[in-house]
Amino acid sequence: MTEIYIYNQRYEIPEGLTILKAFEWAGFHLTRGVGCRGGFCGACGTVYRISGDYRLHYALPARRSSSPA
């Protein structure tokens, strides 16, 4: 299991899920801004941060794994 934080709330999700699937696993119902859900159209672009890293990262959550690289 991987530990992630969404809106300062801690969730444990299975490893290997994409960011988009991790949100859904945590119970969020995503209906806007997710586009094709395959990472091809670019509608799901997001900004995220990894614990201990001050930089912001950019990715398509339909493609990017939720586990830190």
PDB file of N, CA and C in Angstrom:
ATOM      1  N   MET A   1       0.840  -1.179   0.000  1.00  0.00           N
ATOM      2  CA  MET A   1       0.000   0.000   0.000  1.00  0.00           C
ATOM      3  C   MET A   1       0.889   1.248   0.000  1.00  0.00           C
ATOM      4  N   THR A   2       0.431   2.267  -0.680  1.00  0.00           N
ATOM      5  CA  THR A   2       1.127   3.545  -0.769  1.00  0.00           C
ATOM      6  C   THR A   2       0.312   4.599  -0.031  1.00  0.00           C
ATOM      7  N   GLU A   3       0.994   5.467   0.673  1.00  0.00           N
ATOM      8  CA  GLU A   3       0.336   6.539   1.419  1.00  0.00           C
ATOM      9  C   GLU A   3       0.333   7.812   0.578  1.00  0.00           C
ATOM     10  N   ILE A   4      -0.853   8.385   0.382  1.00  0.00           N
ATOM     11  CA  ILE A   4      -0.963   9.662  -0.334  1.00  0.00           C
ATOM     12  C   ILE A   4      -1.830  10.607   0.489  1.00  0.00           C
ATOM     13  N   TYR A   5      -1.717  11.883   0.183  1.00  0.00           N
ATOM     14  CA  TYR A   5      -2.541  12.897   0.841  1.00  0.00           C
ATOM     15  C   TYR A   5      -3.322  13.655  -0.221  1.00  0.00           C
ATOM     16  N   ILE A   6      -4.624  13.763  -0.018  1.00  0.00           N
ATOM     17  CA  ILE A   6      -5.503  14.522  -0.901  1.00  0.00           C
ATOM     18  C   ILE A   6      -6.250  15.508  -0.019  1.00  0.00           C
ATOM     19  N   TYR A   7      -6.070  16.782  -0.274  1.00  0.00           N
ATOM     20  CA  TYR A   7      -6.682  17.838   0.546  1.00  0.00           C
ATOM     21  C   TYR A   7      -6.356  17.645   2.032  1.00  0.00           C
ATOM     22  N   ASN A   8      -5.087  17.377   2.325  1.00  0.00           N
ATOM     23  CA  ASN A   8      -4.567  17.180   3.684  1.00  0.00           C
ATOM     24  C   ASN A   8      -5.189  15.993   4.412  1.00  0.00           C
ATOM     25  N   GLN A   9      -5.815  15.098   3.704  1.00  0.00           N
ATOM     26  CA  GLN A   9      -6.380  13.875   4.288  1.00  0.00           C
ATOM     27  C   GLN A   9      -5.537  12.695   3.801  1.00  0.00           C
ATOM     28  N   ARG A  10      -5.135  11.820   4.716  1.00  0.00           N
ATOM     29  CA  ARG A  10      -4.278  10.692   4.387  1.00  0.00           C
ATOM     30  C   ARG A  10      -5.104   9.510   3.875  1.00  0.00           C
ATOM     31  N   TYR A  11      -4.626   8.885   2.795  1.00  0.00           N
ATOM     32  CA  TYR A  11      -5.260   7.699   2.231  1.00  0.00           C
ATOM     33  C   TYR A  11      -4.191   6.661   1.948  1.00  0.00           C
ATOM     34  N   GLU A  12      -4.533   5.399   2.111  1.00  0.00           N
ATOM     35  CA  GLU A  12      -3.648   4.314   1.713  1.00  0.00           C
ATOM     36  C   GLU A  12      -4.284   3.639   0.511  1.00  0.00           C
ATOM     37  N   ILE A  13      -3.516   3.555  -0.555  1.00  0.00           N
ATOM     38  CA  ILE A  13      -4.023   3.002  -1.806  1.00  0.00           C
ATOM     39  C   ILE A  13      -3.078   1.898  -2.282  1.00  0.00           C
ATOM     40  N   PRO A  14      -3.538   0.979  -3.113  1.00  0.00           N
ATOM     41  CA  PRO A  14      -2.656  -0.056  -3.654  1.00  0.00           C
ATOM     42  C   PRO A  14      -1.583   0.562  -4.551  1.00  0.00           C
ATOM     43  N   GLU A  15      -0.400  -0.019  -4.545  1.00  0.00           N
ATOM     44  CA  GLU A  15       0.680   0.489  -5.393  1.00  0.00           C
ATOM     45  C   GLU A  15       0.366   0.225  -6.855  1.00  0.00           C
ATOM     46  N   GLY A  16       0.866   1.092  -7.713  1.00  0.00           N
ATOM     47  CA  GLY A  16       0.716   0.915  -9.145  1.00  0.00           C
ATOM     48  C   GLY A  16      -0.483   1.615  -9.751  1.00  0.00           C
ATOM     49  N   LEU A  17      -1.355   2.201  -8.938  1.00  0.00           N
ATOM     50  CA  LEU A  17      -2.491   2.938  -9.485  1.00  0.00           C
ATOM     51  C   LEU A  17      -2.023   4.265 -10.064  1.00  0.00           C
ATOM     52  N   THR A  18      -2.716   4.748 -11.066  1.00  0.00           N
ATOM     53  CA  THR A  18      -2.443   6.090 -11.572  1.00  0.00           C
ATOM     54  C   THR A  18      -3.014   7.100 -10.586  1.00  0.00           C
ATOM     55  N   ILE A  19      -2.637   8.352 -10.734  1.00  0.00           N
ATOM     56  CA  ILE A  19      -3.157   9.396  -9.851  1.00  0.00           C
ATOM     57  C   ILE A  19      -4.681   9.451  -9.959  1.00  0.00           C
ATOM     58  N   LEU A  20      -5.195   9.348 -11.163  1.00  0.00           N
ATOM     59  CA  LEU A  20      -6.637   9.388 -11.389  1.00  0.00           C
ATOM     60  C   LEU A  20      -7.337   8.223 -10.679  1.00  0.00           C
ATOM     61  N   LYS A  21      -6.807   7.025 -10.820  1.00  0.00           N
ATOM     62  CA  LYS A  21      -7.388   5.847 -10.164  1.00  0.00           C
ATOM     63  C   LYS A  21      -7.241   5.942  -8.642  1.00  0.00           C
ATOM     64  N   ALA A  22      -6.157   6.562  -8.157  1.00  0.00           N
ATOM     65  CA  ALA A  22      -5.966   6.734  -6.708  1.00  0.00           C
ATOM     66  C   ALA A  22      -7.050   7.630  -6.128  1.00  0.00           C
ATOM     67  N   PHE A  23      -7.399   8.703  -6.840  1.00  0.00           N
ATOM     68  CA  PHE A  23      -8.496   9.564  -6.391  1.00  0.00           C
ATOM     69  C   PHE A  23      -9.789   8.766  -6.305  1.00  0.00           C
ATOM     70  N   GLU A  24     -10.058   7.961  -7.306  1.00  0.00           N
ATOM     71  CA  GLU A  24     -11.283   7.164  -7.314  1.00  0.00           C
ATOM     72  C   GLU A  24     -11.253   6.107  -6.212  1.00  0.00           C
ATOM     73  N   TRP A  25     -10.099   5.494  -5.973  1.00  0.00           N
ATOM     74  CA  TRP A  25      -9.957   4.509  -4.898  1.00  0.00           C
ATOM     75  C   TRP A  25     -10.251   5.162  -3.543  1.00  0.00           C
ATOM     76  N   ALA A  26      -9.844   6.434  -3.396  1.00  0.00           N
ATOM     77  CA  ALA A  26     -10.057   7.163  -2.144  1.00  0.00           C
ATOM     78  C   ALA A  26     -11.518   7.590  -1.971  1.00  0.00           C
ATOM     79  N   GLY A  27     -12.343   7.387  -2.984  1.00  0.00           N
ATOM     80  CA  GLY A  27     -13.763   7.675  -2.852  1.00  0.00           C
ATOM     81  C   GLY A  27     -14.247   8.918  -3.570  1.00  0.00           C
ATOM     82  N   PHE A  28     -13.376   9.577  -4.314  1.00  0.00           N
ATOM     83  CA  PHE A  28     -13.784  10.770  -5.050  1.00  0.00           C
ATOM     84  C   PHE A  28     -14.443  10.352  -6.363  1.00  0.00           C
ATOM     85  N   HIS A  29     -15.524  11.046  -6.714  1.00  0.00           N
ATOM     86  CA  HIS A  29     -16.220  10.796  -7.979  1.00  0.00           C
ATOM     87  C   HIS A  29     -15.834  11.913  -8.933  1.00  0.00           C
ATOM     88  N   LEU A  30     -14.988  11.600  -9.886  1.00  0.00           N
ATOM     89  CA  LEU A  30     -14.474  12.607 -10.817  1.00  0.00           C
ATOM     90  C   LEU A  30     -15.309  12.590 -12.090  1.00  0.00           C
ATOM     91  N   THR A  31     -15.914  13.733 -12.402  1.00  0.00           N
ATOM     92  CA  THR A  31     -16.732  13.821 -13.607  1.00  0.00           C
ATOM     93  C   THR A  31     -16.274  14.930 -14.543  1.00  0.00           C
ATOM     94  N   ARG A  32     -15.522  15.899 -14.041  1.00  0.00           N
ATOM     95  CA  ARG A  32     -15.046  16.999 -14.883  1.00  0.00           C
ATOM     96  C   ARG A  32     -13.528  17.031 -14.898  1.00  0.00           C
ATOM     97  N   GLY A  33     -12.984  17.419 -16.023  1.00  0.00           N
ATOM     98  CA  GLY A  33     -11.542  17.576 -16.131  1.00  0.00           C
ATOM     99  C   GLY A  33     -10.769  16.280 -16.252  1.00  0.00           C
ATOM    100  N   VAL A  34     -11.449  15.172 -16.571  1.00  0.00           N
ATOM    101  CA  VAL A  34     -10.740  13.906 -16.705  1.00  0.00           C
ATOM    102  C   VAL A  34     -10.634  13.450 -18.158  1.00  0.00           C
ATOM    103  N   GLY A  35     -11.371  14.050 -19.040  1.00  0.00           N
ATOM    104  CA  GLY A  35     -11.255  13.775 -20.474  1.00  0.00           C
ATOM    105  C   GLY A  35     -11.428  12.317 -20.836  1.00  0.00           C
ATOM    106  N   CYS A  36     -10.450  11.786 -21.571  1.00  0.00           N
ATOM    107  CA  CYS A  36     -10.557  10.436 -22.121  1.00  0.00           C
ATOM    108  C   CYS A  36     -10.202   9.338 -21.123  1.00  0.00           C
ATOM    109  N   ARG A  37      -9.644   9.693 -19.975  1.00  0.00           N
ATOM    110  CA  ARG A  37      -9.203   8.760 -18.927  1.00  0.00           C
ATOM    111  C   ARG A  37      -8.074   7.854 -19.373  1.00  0.00           C
ATOM    112  N   GLY A  38      -7.457   8.158 -20.504  1.00  0.00           N
ATOM    113  CA  GLY A  38      -6.334   7.362 -20.992  1.00  0.00           C
ATOM    114  C   GLY A  38      -5.044   8.154 -21.095  1.00  0.00           C
ATOM    115  N   GLY A  39      -5.109   9.457 -20.863  1.00  0.00           N
ATOM    116  CA  GLY A  39      -3.917  10.282 -20.906  1.00  0.00           C
ATOM    117  C   GLY A  39      -3.539  10.760 -22.293  1.00  0.00           C
ATOM    118  N   PHE A  40      -4.449  10.675 -23.241  1.00  0.00           N
ATOM    119  CA  PHE A  40      -4.142  11.079 -24.609  1.00  0.00           C
ATOM    120  C   PHE A  40      -4.582  12.505 -24.933  1.00  0.00           C
ATOM    121  N   CYS A  41      -5.709  12.935 -24.375  1.00  0.00           N
ATOM    122  CA  CYS A  41      -6.269  14.224 -24.779  1.00  0.00           C
ATOM    123  C   CYS A  41      -5.674  15.399 -24.000  1.00  0.00           C
ATOM    124  N   GLY A  42      -5.122  15.168 -22.808  1.00  0.00           N
ATOM    125  CA  GLY A  42      -4.508  16.234 -22.021  1.00  0.00           C
ATOM    126  C   GLY A  42      -5.453  17.013 -21.128  1.00  0.00           C
ATOM    127  N   ALA A  43      -6.725  16.643 -21.070  1.00  0.00           N
ATOM    128  CA  ALA A  43      -7.698  17.373 -20.257  1.00  0.00           C
ATOM    129  C   ALA A  43      -7.476  17.190 -18.755  1.00  0.00           C
ATOM    130  N   CYS A  44      -6.762  16.155 -18.363  1.00  0.00           N
ATOM    131  CA  CYS A  44      -6.603  15.848 -16.938  1.00  0.00           C
ATOM    132  C   CYS A  44      -5.301  16.392 -16.348  1.00  0.00           C
ATOM    133  N   GLY A  45      -4.652  17.323 -16.992  1.00  0.00           N
ATOM    134  CA  GLY A  45      -3.389  17.862 -16.489  1.00  0.00           C
ATOM    135  C   GLY A  45      -3.489  18.321 -15.042  1.00  0.00           C
ATOM    136  N   THR A  46      -2.470  18.029 -14.248  1.00  0.00           N
ATOM    137  CA  THR A  46      -2.496  18.377 -12.830  1.00  0.00           C
ATOM    138  C   THR A  46      -1.112  18.755 -12.323  1.00  0.00           C
ATOM    139  N   VAL A  47      -1.093  19.387 -11.170  1.00  0.00           N
ATOM    140  CA  VAL A  47       0.141  19.770 -10.475  1.00  0.00           C
ATOM    141  C   VAL A  47       0.134  19.042  -9.140  1.00  0.00           C
ATOM    142  N   TYR A  48       1.270  18.441  -8.774  1.00  0.00           N
ATOM    143  CA  TYR A  48       1.345  17.735  -7.503  1.00  0.00           C
ATOM    144  C   TYR A  48       2.722  17.931  -6.883  1.00  0.00           C
ATOM    145  N   ARG A  49       2.844  17.536  -5.616  1.00  0.00           N
ATOM    146  CA  ARG A  49       4.112  17.667  -4.901  1.00  0.00           C
ATOM    147  C   ARG A  49       4.417  16.353  -4.202  1.00  0.00           C
ATOM    148  N   ILE A  50       5.689  15.989  -4.176  1.00  0.00           N
ATOM    149  CA  ILE A  50       6.150  14.793  -3.486  1.00  0.00           C
ATOM    150  C   ILE A  50       6.736  15.222  -2.148  1.00  0.00           C
ATOM    151  N   SER A  51       6.389  14.523  -1.081  1.00  0.00           N
ATOM    152  CA  SER A  51       6.871  14.845   0.259  1.00  0.00           C
ATOM    153  C   SER A  51       8.397  14.924   0.282  1.00  0.00           C
ATOM    154  N   GLY A  52       8.907  16.003   0.875  1.00  0.00           N
ATOM    155  CA  GLY A  52      10.344  16.205   0.981  1.00  0.00           C
ATOM    156  C   GLY A  52      10.963  16.897  -0.216  1.00  0.00           C
ATOM    157  N   ASP A  53      10.172  17.174  -1.241  1.00  0.00           N
ATOM    158  CA  ASP A  53      10.652  17.850  -2.446  1.00  0.00           C
ATOM    159  C   ASP A  53       9.905  19.172  -2.572  1.00  0.00           C
ATOM    160  N   TYR A  54      10.630  20.266  -2.638  1.00  0.00           N
ATOM    161  CA  TYR A  54       9.989  21.586  -2.688  1.00  0.00           C
ATOM    162  C   TYR A  54       9.416  21.916  -4.064  1.00  0.00           C
ATOM    163  N   ARG A  55       9.826  21.168  -5.078  1.00  0.00           N
ATOM    164  CA  ARG A  55       9.391  21.476  -6.446  1.00  0.00           C
ATOM    165  C   ARG A  55       7.972  20.974  -6.733  1.00  0.00           C
ATOM    166  N   LEU A  56       7.308  21.671  -7.632  1.00  0.00           N
ATOM    167  CA  LEU A  56       6.017  21.222  -8.132  1.00  0.00           C
ATOM    168  C   LEU A  56       6.255  20.356  -9.358  1.00  0.00           C
ATOM    169  N   HIS A  57       5.478  19.314  -9.487  1.00  0.00           N
ATOM    170  CA  HIS A  57       5.583  18.411 -10.625  1.00  0.00           C
ATOM    171  C   HIS A  57       4.287  18.495 -11.429  1.00  0.00           C
ATOM    172  N   TYR A  58       4.399  18.271 -12.715  1.00  0.00           N
ATOM    173  CA  TYR A  58       3.256  18.347 -13.620  1.00  0.00           C
ATOM    174  C   TYR A  58       3.120  17.012 -14.338  1.00  0.00           C
ATOM    175  N   ALA A  59       1.884  16.542 -14.487  1.00  0.00           N
ATOM    176  CA  ALA A  59       1.666  15.259 -15.153  1.00  0.00           C
ATOM    177  C   ALA A  59       0.216  15.124 -15.604  1.00  0.00           C
ATOM    178  N   LEU A  60      -0.011  14.084 -16.371  1.00  0.00           N
ATOM    179  CA  LEU A  60      -1.366  13.672 -16.722  1.00  0.00           C
ATOM    180  C   LEU A  60      -1.718  12.528 -15.770  1.00  0.00           C
ATOM    181  N   PRO A  61      -2.652  12.749 -14.842  1.00  0.00           N
ATOM    182  CA  PRO A  61      -2.946  11.738 -13.831  1.00  0.00           C
ATOM    183  C   PRO A  61      -3.510  10.433 -14.386  1.00  0.00           C
ATOM    184  N   ALA A  62      -4.012  10.453 -15.604  1.00  0.00           N
ATOM    185  CA  ALA A  62      -4.492   9.211 -16.197  1.00  0.00           C
ATOM    186  C   ALA A  62      -3.336   8.318 -16.603  1.00  0.00           C
ATOM    187  N   ARG A  63      -2.100   8.862 -16.659  1.00  0.00           N
ATOM    188  CA  ARG A  63      -0.919   8.097 -17.032  1.00  0.00           C
ATOM    189  C   ARG A  63       0.097   7.949 -15.910  1.00  0.00           C
ATOM    190  N   ARG A  64       0.234   8.938 -15.056  1.00  0.00           N
ATOM    191  CA  ARG A  64       1.285   8.974 -14.037  1.00  0.00           C
ATOM    192  C   ARG A  64       0.924   8.102 -12.843  1.00  0.00           C
ATOM    193  N   SER A  65       1.848   7.257 -12.422  1.00  0.00           N
ATOM    194  CA  SER A  65       1.638   6.408 -11.245  1.00  0.00           C
ATOM    195  C   SER A  65       1.590   7.265  -9.992  1.00  0.00           C
ATOM    196  N   SER A  66       0.782   6.856  -9.038  1.00  0.00           N
ATOM    197  CA  SER A  66       0.670   7.605  -7.790  1.00  0.00           C
ATOM    198  C   SER A  66       1.824   7.315  -6.846  1.00  0.00           C
ATOM    199  N   SER A  67       2.623   6.291  -7.124  1.00  0.00           N
ATOM    200  CA  SER A  67       3.795   5.988  -6.307  1.00  0.00           C
ATOM    201  C   SER A  67       4.929   6.925  -6.680  1.00  0.00           C
ATOM    202  N   PRO A  68       5.652   7.467  -5.705  1.00  0.00           N
ATOM    203  CA  PRO A  68       6.771   8.376  -6.020  1.00  0.00           C
ATOM    204  C   PRO A  68       7.807   7.684  -6.879  1.00  0.00           C
ATOM    205  N   ALA A  69       8.316   8.404  -7.866  1.00  0.00           N
ATOM    206  CA  ALA A  69       9.305   7.825  -8.780  1.00  0.00           C
ATOM    207  C   ALA A  69      10.699   7.896  -8.211  1.00  0.00           C
TER     208      ALA A  69
END
